[in-house]
Amino acid sequence: MDKDTRRAVSSVIARLIPVGIAIGLALWNNNIGITIAVVFAVVSLVVAIPVEYVLTYSPAVSYRDKQLSTFFSRYLKLVEADIESVAHGDVDVRANIMRLSSDGLRDSPSYKVAFYAREADYADEEFELEFDIGQGCVGKVHEARDQKFAISPHHHEAWGEGWSTSDRHDRVTEDLNTIIGTPVFDPEKSGKEPIAVLIIDSEDPIEDFVSLGEDQTLEDVSFKGTDVADRATDHASDVGILL
């Protein structure tokens, strides 16, 4: 439970304490029966929750997300510059943070782009894409709770069959040749599922990111031991603290 949720729950409880006391006194004095007391308590709870959501929780979350959007816009620009500086070759990258969200109570949560450096760097349809857990680089990262490299179909690990993406996913992201997904964890909840995924992507090929030794091929490289992988992990750790 995040801070905003805890604050909303505490506020609901605070609102219901006087109601609970009044019901208790009425029962003690035999002014109402237990059935009426239970009905009144349930009605009070049903009314208090949506009121608290509208008055406290929703505005707090919206305001916090606006603050985070402003901050992460600046922070992710620094992340991009840092990754580009440690890459083996001359690369141009984008950095964004994807988070789980749901359109309704019955919908399974899926990953969408939540924070990014520059809106102009993305096509409108990219913000509409949703990835289920286990789908695409971000979904595989969540599923494995580990960093993943996805590289274009020109190489041995492509986002084709193995990444469970749809035709729409492939079409919208077809210009990308390298994707690095790194799980973001809540530092106060070790061993839990990721709370977000830091995505570094680029139109540049993976060879520009990693250094190949003499007679080495991509199949010989452990991507997790590269400078870009280590730096992405460091940034994902920082993001976990900020979120």
C-alpha atoms as a PDB file:
ATOM      1  CA  MET A   1       0.000   0.000   0.000  1.00  0.00           C
ATOM      2  CA  ASP A   2       1.521   3.315  -1.107  1.00  0.00           C
ATOM      3  CA  LYS A   3       1.553   6.542   0.888  1.00  0.00           C
ATOM      4  CA  ASP A   4      -1.449   8.057  -0.884  1.00  0.00           C
ATOM      5  CA  THR A   5      -3.532   4.931  -0.293  1.00  0.00           C
ATOM      6  CA  ARG A   6      -2.545   4.816   3.371  1.00  0.00           C
ATOM      7  CA  ARG A   7      -3.466   8.471   3.709  1.00  0.00           C
ATOM      8  CA  ALA A   8      -6.886   7.876   2.124  1.00  0.00           C
ATOM      9  CA  VAL A   9      -7.589   4.820   4.304  1.00  0.00           C
ATOM     10  CA  SER A  10      -6.583   6.737   7.426  1.00  0.00           C
ATOM     11  CA  SER A  11      -8.866   9.590   6.420  1.00  0.00           C
ATOM     12  CA  VAL A  12     -11.818   7.198   5.873  1.00  0.00           C
ATOM     13  CA  ILE A  13     -11.223   5.669   9.301  1.00  0.00           C
ATOM     14  CA  ALA A  14     -11.047   9.125  10.878  1.00  0.00           C
ATOM     15  CA  ARG A  15     -14.347  10.079   9.245  1.00  0.00           C
ATOM     16  CA  LEU A  16     -16.018   6.882  10.487  1.00  0.00           C
ATOM     17  CA  ILE A  17     -14.826   7.060  14.099  1.00  0.00           C
ATOM     18  CA  PRO A  18     -17.568   9.525  15.171  1.00  0.00           C
ATOM     19  CA  VAL A  19     -20.132   7.421  13.324  1.00  0.00           C
ATOM     20  CA  GLY A  20     -18.910   4.298  15.101  1.00  0.00           C
ATOM     21  CA  ILE A  21     -19.077   6.010  18.473  1.00  0.00           C
ATOM     22  CA  ALA A  22     -22.624   7.231  17.784  1.00  0.00           C
ATOM     23  CA  ILE A  23     -23.742   3.738  16.730  1.00  0.00           C
ATOM     24  CA  GLY A  24     -22.113   2.224  19.820  1.00  0.00           C
ATOM     25  CA  LEU A  25     -23.842   4.664  22.155  1.00  0.00           C
ATOM     26  CA  ALA A  26     -27.191   4.107  20.450  1.00  0.00           C
ATOM     27  CA  LEU A  27     -26.808   0.347  20.910  1.00  0.00           C
ATOM     28  CA  TRP A  28     -25.718   0.807  24.519  1.00  0.00           C
ATOM     29  CA  ASN A  29     -28.815   2.867  25.272  1.00  0.00           C
ATOM     30  CA  ASN A  30     -31.044   0.460  23.324  1.00  0.00           C
ATOM     31  CA  ASN A  31     -32.125   3.262  20.994  1.00  0.00           C
ATOM     32  CA  ILE A  32     -31.563   1.075  17.923  1.00  0.00           C
ATOM     33  CA  GLY A  33     -31.316  -2.632  17.244  1.00  0.00           C
ATOM     34  CA  ILE A  34     -28.277  -4.509  16.011  1.00  0.00           C
ATOM     35  CA  THR A  35     -29.752  -4.890  12.513  1.00  0.00           C
ATOM     36  CA  ILE A  36     -30.273  -1.155  12.095  1.00  0.00           C
ATOM     37  CA  ALA A  37     -26.779  -0.506  13.513  1.00  0.00           C
ATOM     38  CA  VAL A  38     -25.190  -2.843  10.977  1.00  0.00           C
ATOM     39  CA  VAL A  39     -27.141  -1.324   8.078  1.00  0.00           C
ATOM     40  CA  PHE A  40     -26.205   2.196   9.169  1.00  0.00           C
ATOM     41  CA  ALA A  41     -22.541   1.229   9.493  1.00  0.00           C
ATOM     42  CA  VAL A  42     -22.475  -0.347   6.035  1.00  0.00           C
ATOM     43  CA  VAL A  43     -24.195   2.656   4.450  1.00  0.00           C
ATOM     44  CA  SER A  44     -21.724   5.003   6.154  1.00  0.00           C
ATOM     45  CA  LEU A  45     -18.798   2.971   4.816  1.00  0.00           C
ATOM     46  CA  VAL A  46     -20.219   2.831   1.296  1.00  0.00           C
ATOM     47  CA  VAL A  47     -20.705   6.603   1.281  1.00  0.00           C
ATOM     48  CA  ALA A  48     -17.375   7.463   2.933  1.00  0.00           C
ATOM     49  CA  ILE A  49     -15.143   5.533   0.509  1.00  0.00           C
ATOM     50  CA  PRO A  50     -16.191   7.257  -2.750  1.00  0.00           C
ATOM     51  CA  VAL A  51     -16.338  10.645  -1.011  1.00  0.00           C
ATOM     52  CA  GLU A  52     -12.813  10.177   0.284  1.00  0.00           C
ATOM     53  CA  TYR A  53     -11.632   9.018  -3.131  1.00  0.00           C
ATOM     54  CA  VAL A  54     -13.010  12.149  -4.802  1.00  0.00           C
ATOM     55  CA  LEU A  55     -11.919  14.600  -2.116  1.00  0.00           C
ATOM     56  CA  THR A  56      -8.568  13.182  -1.010  1.00  0.00           C
ATOM     57  CA  TYR A  57      -7.125  10.196  -2.826  1.00  0.00           C
ATOM     58  CA  SER A  58      -7.728  11.114  -6.483  1.00  0.00           C
ATOM     59  CA  PRO A  59      -6.482  14.733  -6.204  1.00  0.00           C
ATOM     60  CA  ALA A  60      -3.442  13.602  -4.185  1.00  0.00           C
ATOM     61  CA  VAL A  61      -2.497  10.969  -6.759  1.00  0.00           C
ATOM     62  CA  SER A  62      -3.079  13.366  -9.654  1.00  0.00           C
ATOM     63  CA  TYR A  63      -0.968  16.091  -8.051  1.00  0.00           C
ATOM     64  CA  ARG A  64       1.801  13.642  -7.187  1.00  0.00           C
ATOM     65  CA  ASP A  65       1.865  12.269 -10.742  1.00  0.00           C
ATOM     66  CA  LYS A  66       2.146  15.807 -12.128  1.00  0.00           C
ATOM     67  CA  GLN A  67       5.097  16.449  -9.830  1.00  0.00           C
ATOM     68  CA  LEU A  68       6.695  13.151 -10.826  1.00  0.00           C
ATOM     69  CA  SER A  69       6.150  13.878 -14.529  1.00  0.00           C
ATOM     70  CA  THR A  70       7.989  17.177 -14.230  1.00  0.00           C
ATOM     71  CA  PHE A  71      10.807  15.648 -12.230  1.00  0.00           C
ATOM     72  CA  PHE A  72      11.224  12.521 -14.358  1.00  0.00           C
ATOM     73  CA  SER A  73      11.206  14.551 -17.565  1.00  0.00           C
ATOM     74  CA  ARG A  74      14.435  16.148 -16.345  1.00  0.00           C
ATOM     75  CA  TYR A  75      15.822  13.042 -14.687  1.00  0.00           C
ATOM     76  CA  LEU A  76      15.314  10.796 -17.712  1.00  0.00           C
ATOM     77  CA  LYS A  77      17.186  13.272 -19.909  1.00  0.00           C
ATOM     78  CA  LEU A  78      20.168  12.747 -17.608  1.00  0.00           C
ATOM     79  CA  VAL A  79      19.684   8.980 -17.825  1.00  0.00           C
ATOM     80  CA  GLU A  80      19.735   9.162 -21.621  1.00  0.00           C
ATOM     81  CA  ALA A  81      22.927  11.214 -21.627  1.00  0.00           C
ATOM     82  CA  ASP A  82      24.545   8.831 -19.150  1.00  0.00           C
ATOM     83  CA  ILE A  83      23.697   5.694 -21.139  1.00  0.00           C
ATOM     84  CA  GLU A  84      24.934   7.310 -24.339  1.00  0.00           C
ATOM     85  CA  SER A  85      28.212   8.207 -22.627  1.00  0.00           C
ATOM     86  CA  VAL A  86      28.964   4.623 -21.525  1.00  0.00           C
ATOM     87  CA  ALA A  87      27.831   2.907 -24.724  1.00  0.00           C
ATOM     88  CA  HIS A  88      30.593   1.450 -26.858  1.00  0.00           C
ATOM     89  CA  GLY A  89      29.707   3.514 -29.918  1.00  0.00           C
ATOM     90  CA  ASP A  90      27.823   6.651 -30.855  1.00  0.00           C
ATOM     91  CA  VAL A  91      24.186   5.962 -29.958  1.00  0.00           C
ATOM     92  CA  ASP A  92      20.995   7.943 -29.477  1.00  0.00           C
ATOM     93  CA  VAL A  93      18.658   6.536 -26.835  1.00  0.00           C
ATOM     94  CA  ARG A  94      15.302   7.221 -25.230  1.00  0.00           C
ATOM     95  CA  ALA A  95      14.507   6.516 -21.599  1.00  0.00           C
ATOM     96  CA  ASN A  96      11.066   6.012 -20.117  1.00  0.00           C
ATOM     97  CA  ILE A  97       9.426   4.455 -17.088  1.00  0.00           C
ATOM     98  CA  MET A  98       6.566   2.016 -17.623  1.00  0.00           C
ATOM     99  CA  ARG A  99       4.112   1.237 -14.845  1.00  0.00           C
ATOM    100  CA  LEU A 100       1.256  -1.200 -14.343  1.00  0.00           C
ATOM    101  CA  SER A 101      -2.198   0.293 -14.724  1.00  0.00           C
ATOM    102  CA  SER A 102      -5.746  -0.967 -15.144  1.00  0.00           C
ATOM    103  CA  ASP A 103      -8.732   0.534 -16.935  1.00  0.00           C
ATOM    104  CA  GLY A 104     -11.200  -0.987 -14.495  1.00  0.00           C
ATOM    105  CA  LEU A 105     -11.708  -3.359 -11.601  1.00  0.00           C
ATOM    106  CA  ARG A 106     -12.166  -6.327 -13.926  1.00  0.00           C
ATOM    107  CA  ASP A 107      -9.259  -5.543 -16.225  1.00  0.00           C
ATOM    108  CA  SER A 108      -5.902  -7.202 -15.689  1.00  0.00           C
ATOM    109  CA  PRO A 109      -3.145  -4.644 -15.112  1.00  0.00           C
ATOM    110  CA  SER A 110      -0.869  -3.951 -18.059  1.00  0.00           C
ATOM    111  CA  TYR A 111       2.241  -1.867 -18.619  1.00  0.00           C
ATOM    112  CA  LYS A 112       2.073   1.531 -20.307  1.00  0.00           C
ATOM    113  CA  VAL A 113       4.518   4.404 -20.662  1.00  0.00           C
ATOM    114  CA  ALA A 114       4.097   6.583 -17.562  1.00  0.00           C
ATOM    115  CA  PHE A 115       7.072   8.967 -17.587  1.00  0.00           C
ATOM    116  CA  TYR A 116       9.391  10.039 -20.380  1.00  0.00           C
ATOM    117  CA  ALA A 117      11.973  12.695 -21.187  1.00  0.00           C
ATOM    118  CA  ARG A 118      10.457  14.347 -24.272  1.00  0.00           C
ATOM    119  CA  GLU A 119       6.980  13.726 -25.633  1.00  0.00           C
ATOM    120  CA  ALA A 120       8.105  14.705 -29.128  1.00  0.00           C
ATOM    121  CA  ASP A 121      10.397  11.652 -29.240  1.00  0.00           C
ATOM    122  CA  TYR A 122       7.397   9.317 -29.263  1.00  0.00           C
ATOM    123  CA  ALA A 123       4.662   8.593 -31.747  1.00  0.00           C
ATOM    124  CA  ASP A 124       1.173   9.074 -30.295  1.00  0.00           C
ATOM    125  CA  GLU A 125       0.423   5.378 -30.693  1.00  0.00           C
ATOM    126  CA  GLU A 126       3.346   4.446 -28.470  1.00  0.00           C
ATOM    127  CA  PHE A 127       1.558   5.994 -25.488  1.00  0.00           C
ATOM    128  CA  GLU A 128      -1.481   3.845 -26.276  1.00  0.00           C
ATOM    129  CA  LEU A 129       0.401   0.535 -26.329  1.00  0.00           C
ATOM    130  CA  GLU A 130      -0.289  -1.836 -23.439  1.00  0.00           C
ATOM    131  CA  PHE A 131       1.860  -4.837 -22.552  1.00  0.00           C
ATOM    132  CA  ASP A 132       0.544  -7.665 -20.423  1.00  0.00           C
ATOM    133  CA  ILE A 133       2.790  -9.365 -17.900  1.00  0.00           C
ATOM    134  CA  GLY A 134       4.976 -11.710 -19.943  1.00  0.00           C
ATOM    135  CA  GLN A 135       4.458  -9.706 -23.141  1.00  0.00           C
ATOM    136  CA  GLY A 136       7.225  -7.731 -24.786  1.00  0.00           C
ATOM    137  CA  CYS A 137      10.468  -6.724 -23.135  1.00  0.00           C
ATOM    138  CA  VAL A 138       8.710  -4.908 -20.283  1.00  0.00           C
ATOM    139  CA  GLY A 139       6.371  -7.835 -19.601  1.00  0.00           C
ATOM    140  CA  LYS A 140       9.237 -10.332 -19.634  1.00  0.00           C
ATOM    141  CA  VAL A 141      11.188  -8.138 -17.220  1.00  0.00           C
ATOM    142  CA  HIS A 142       8.256  -8.144 -14.793  1.00  0.00           C
ATOM    143  CA  GLU A 143       7.759 -11.889 -15.175  1.00  0.00           C
ATOM    144  CA  ALA A 144      11.430 -12.729 -14.607  1.00  0.00           C
ATOM    145  CA  ARG A 145      12.058  -9.888 -12.139  1.00  0.00           C
ATOM    146  CA  ASP A 146      15.306  -9.436 -13.988  1.00  0.00           C
ATOM    147  CA  GLN A 147      16.904  -7.253 -16.631  1.00  0.00           C
ATOM    148  CA  LYS A 148      16.231  -8.154 -20.266  1.00  0.00           C
ATOM    149  CA  PHE A 149      17.797  -7.152 -23.568  1.00  0.00           C
ATOM    150  CA  ALA A 150      15.574  -7.257 -26.652  1.00  0.00           C
ATOM    151  CA  ILE A 151      17.260  -6.745 -29.991  1.00  0.00           C
ATOM    152  CA  SER A 152      15.862  -6.449 -33.495  1.00  0.00           C
ATOM    153  CA  PRO A 153      14.966  -9.396 -35.721  1.00  0.00           C
ATOM    154  CA  HIS A 154      18.298  -9.045 -37.512  1.00  0.00           C
ATOM    155  CA  HIS A 155      19.936 -10.758 -34.532  1.00  0.00           C
ATOM    156  CA  HIS A 156      19.615 -13.973 -32.567  1.00  0.00           C
ATOM    157  CA  GLU A 157      17.279 -12.635 -29.828  1.00  0.00           C
ATOM    158  CA  ALA A 158      14.516 -10.760 -31.611  1.00  0.00           C
ATOM    159  CA  TRP A 159      11.155  -9.488 -30.385  1.00  0.00           C
ATOM    160  CA  GLY A 160       9.347 -11.942 -32.566  1.00  0.00           C
ATOM    161  CA  GLU A 161       7.888 -15.200 -31.337  1.00  0.00           C
ATOM    162  CA  GLY A 162       9.781 -15.245 -28.051  1.00  0.00           C
ATOM    163  CA  TRP A 163       8.402 -11.933 -26.805  1.00  0.00           C
ATOM    164  CA  SER A 164       4.698 -12.738 -27.347  1.00  0.00           C
ATOM    165  CA  THR A 165       4.017  -9.356 -28.920  1.00  0.00           C
ATOM    166  CA  SER A 166       1.074  -8.585 -31.173  1.00  0.00           C
ATOM    167  CA  ASP A 167       1.224  -7.351 -34.760  1.00  0.00           C
ATOM    168  CA  ARG A 168       0.425  -3.881 -33.466  1.00  0.00           C
ATOM    169  CA  HIS A 169       3.287  -3.971 -30.974  1.00  0.00           C
ATOM    170  CA  ASP A 170       5.695  -5.020 -33.708  1.00  0.00           C
ATOM    171  CA  ARG A 171       4.433  -2.406 -36.150  1.00  0.00           C
ATOM    172  CA  VAL A 172       4.641   0.523 -33.716  1.00  0.00           C
ATOM    173  CA  THR A 173       8.116  -0.446 -32.463  1.00  0.00           C
ATOM    174  CA  GLU A 174       9.574  -1.675 -35.750  1.00  0.00           C
ATOM    175  CA  ASP A 175      12.033   1.229 -35.925  1.00  0.00           C
ATOM    176  CA  LEU A 176      13.690   0.167 -32.660  1.00  0.00           C
ATOM    177  CA  ASN A 177      16.738  -2.070 -32.788  1.00  0.00           C
ATOM    178  CA  THR A 178      17.709  -2.232 -29.117  1.00  0.00           C
ATOM    179  CA  ILE A 179      15.585  -2.314 -25.955  1.00  0.00           C
ATOM    180  CA  ILE A 180      16.990  -2.667 -22.444  1.00  0.00           C
ATOM    181  CA  GLY A 181      14.405  -3.296 -19.747  1.00  0.00           C
ATOM    182  CA  THR A 182      15.394  -3.116 -16.084  1.00  0.00           C
ATOM    183  CA  PRO A 183      13.035  -3.864 -13.167  1.00  0.00           C
ATOM    184  CA  VAL A 184      12.365  -1.130 -10.635  1.00  0.00           C
ATOM    185  CA  PHE A 185      11.813  -2.353  -7.085  1.00  0.00           C
ATOM    186  CA  ASP A 186      10.532  -0.684  -3.953  1.00  0.00           C
ATOM    187  CA  PRO A 187      13.640  -0.597  -1.699  1.00  0.00           C
ATOM    188  CA  GLU A 188      11.422  -1.099   1.348  1.00  0.00           C
ATOM    189  CA  LYS A 189       9.949  -4.326  -0.055  1.00  0.00           C
ATOM    190  CA  SER A 190      12.813  -6.578  -1.067  1.00  0.00           C
ATOM    191  CA  GLY A 191      11.908  -9.714  -2.988  1.00  0.00           C
ATOM    192  CA  LYS A 192       8.588  -8.361  -4.217  1.00  0.00           C
ATOM    193  CA  GLU A 193       7.378  -7.816  -7.769  1.00  0.00           C
ATOM    194  CA  PRO A 194       8.649  -4.791  -9.708  1.00  0.00           C
ATOM    195  CA  ILE A 195       6.721  -1.562  -9.213  1.00  0.00           C
ATOM    196  CA  ALA A 196       7.845  -0.287 -12.624  1.00  0.00           C
ATOM    197  CA  VAL A 197      10.314  -0.978 -15.433  1.00  0.00           C
ATOM    198  CA  LEU A 198      12.975   1.395 -16.716  1.00  0.00           C
ATOM    199  CA  ILE A 199      13.148   1.137 -20.505  1.00  0.00           C
ATOM    200  CA  ILE A 200      16.116   2.266 -22.577  1.00  0.00           C
ATOM    201  CA  ASP A 201      15.472   1.935 -26.307  1.00  0.00           C
ATOM    202  CA  SER A 202      17.168   3.018 -29.494  1.00  0.00           C
ATOM    203  CA  GLU A 203      17.119   2.753 -33.263  1.00  0.00           C
ATOM    204  CA  ASP A 204      20.830   1.971 -33.105  1.00  0.00           C
ATOM    205  CA  PRO A 205      21.955  -1.688 -33.283  1.00  0.00           C
ATOM    206  CA  ILE A 206      23.181  -3.574 -30.252  1.00  0.00           C
ATOM    207  CA  GLU A 207      26.736  -3.632 -31.632  1.00  0.00           C
ATOM    208  CA  ASP A 208      26.938   0.100 -30.913  1.00  0.00           C
ATOM    209  CA  PHE A 209      26.118  -0.517 -27.257  1.00  0.00           C
ATOM    210  CA  VAL A 210      28.498  -3.341 -26.385  1.00  0.00           C
ATOM    211  CA  SER A 211      32.143  -3.899 -27.108  1.00  0.00           C
ATOM    212  CA  LEU A 212      32.996  -7.051 -29.003  1.00  0.00           C
ATOM    213  CA  GLY A 213      36.424  -8.548 -28.553  1.00  0.00           C
ATOM    214  CA  GLU A 214      38.469 -10.018 -31.361  1.00  0.00           C
ATOM    215  CA  ASP A 215      36.683 -12.969 -32.968  1.00  0.00           C
ATOM    216  CA  GLN A 216      33.632 -12.390 -30.715  1.00  0.00           C
ATOM    217  CA  THR A 217      30.021 -12.377 -31.886  1.00  0.00           C
ATOM    218  CA  LEU A 218      26.890 -11.202 -30.084  1.00  0.00           C
ATOM    219  CA  GLU A 219      26.207 -14.773 -29.014  1.00  0.00           C
ATOM    220  CA  ASP A 220      29.442 -14.658 -27.009  1.00  0.00           C
ATOM    221  CA  VAL A 221      28.479 -11.530 -25.066  1.00  0.00           C
ATOM    222  CA  SER A 222      26.856 -11.535 -21.636  1.00  0.00           C
ATOM    223  CA  PHE A 223      24.789  -8.371 -21.961  1.00  0.00           C
ATOM    224  CA  LYS A 224      24.336  -8.109 -18.193  1.00  0.00           C
ATOM    225  CA  GLY A 225      28.052  -7.613 -17.748  1.00  0.00           C
ATOM    226  CA  THR A 226      28.184  -4.574 -20.009  1.00  0.00           C
ATOM    227  CA  ASP A 227      28.550  -0.968 -18.915  1.00  0.00           C
ATOM    228  CA  VAL A 228      25.130   0.020 -20.273  1.00  0.00           C
ATOM    229  CA  ALA A 229      23.455  -2.823 -18.359  1.00  0.00           C
ATOM    230  CA  ASP A 230      25.165  -1.912 -15.101  1.00  0.00           C
ATOM    231  CA  ARG A 231      24.367   1.771 -15.512  1.00  0.00           C
ATOM    232  CA  ALA A 232      20.712   1.025 -16.321  1.00  0.00           C
ATOM    233  CA  THR A 233      20.535  -1.088 -13.147  1.00  0.00           C
ATOM    234  CA  ASP A 234      21.920   1.791 -11.101  1.00  0.00           C
ATOM    235  CA  HIS A 235      19.345   4.183 -12.507  1.00  0.00           C
ATOM    236  CA  ALA A 236      16.503   1.704 -11.946  1.00  0.00           C
ATOM    237  CA  SER A 237      17.550   1.482  -8.299  1.00  0.00           C
ATOM    238  CA  ASP A 238      17.352   5.272  -8.011  1.00  0.00           C
ATOM    239  CA  VAL A 239      13.928   5.307  -9.673  1.00  0.00           C
ATOM    240  CA  GLY A 240      12.682   2.823  -7.072  1.00  0.00           C
ATOM    241  CA  ILE A 241      13.599   5.253  -4.309  1.00  0.00           C
ATOM    242  CA  LEU A 242      11.924   8.161  -6.122  1.00  0.00           C
ATOM    243  CA  LEU A 243       8.690   6.285  -6.812  1.00  0.00           C
END
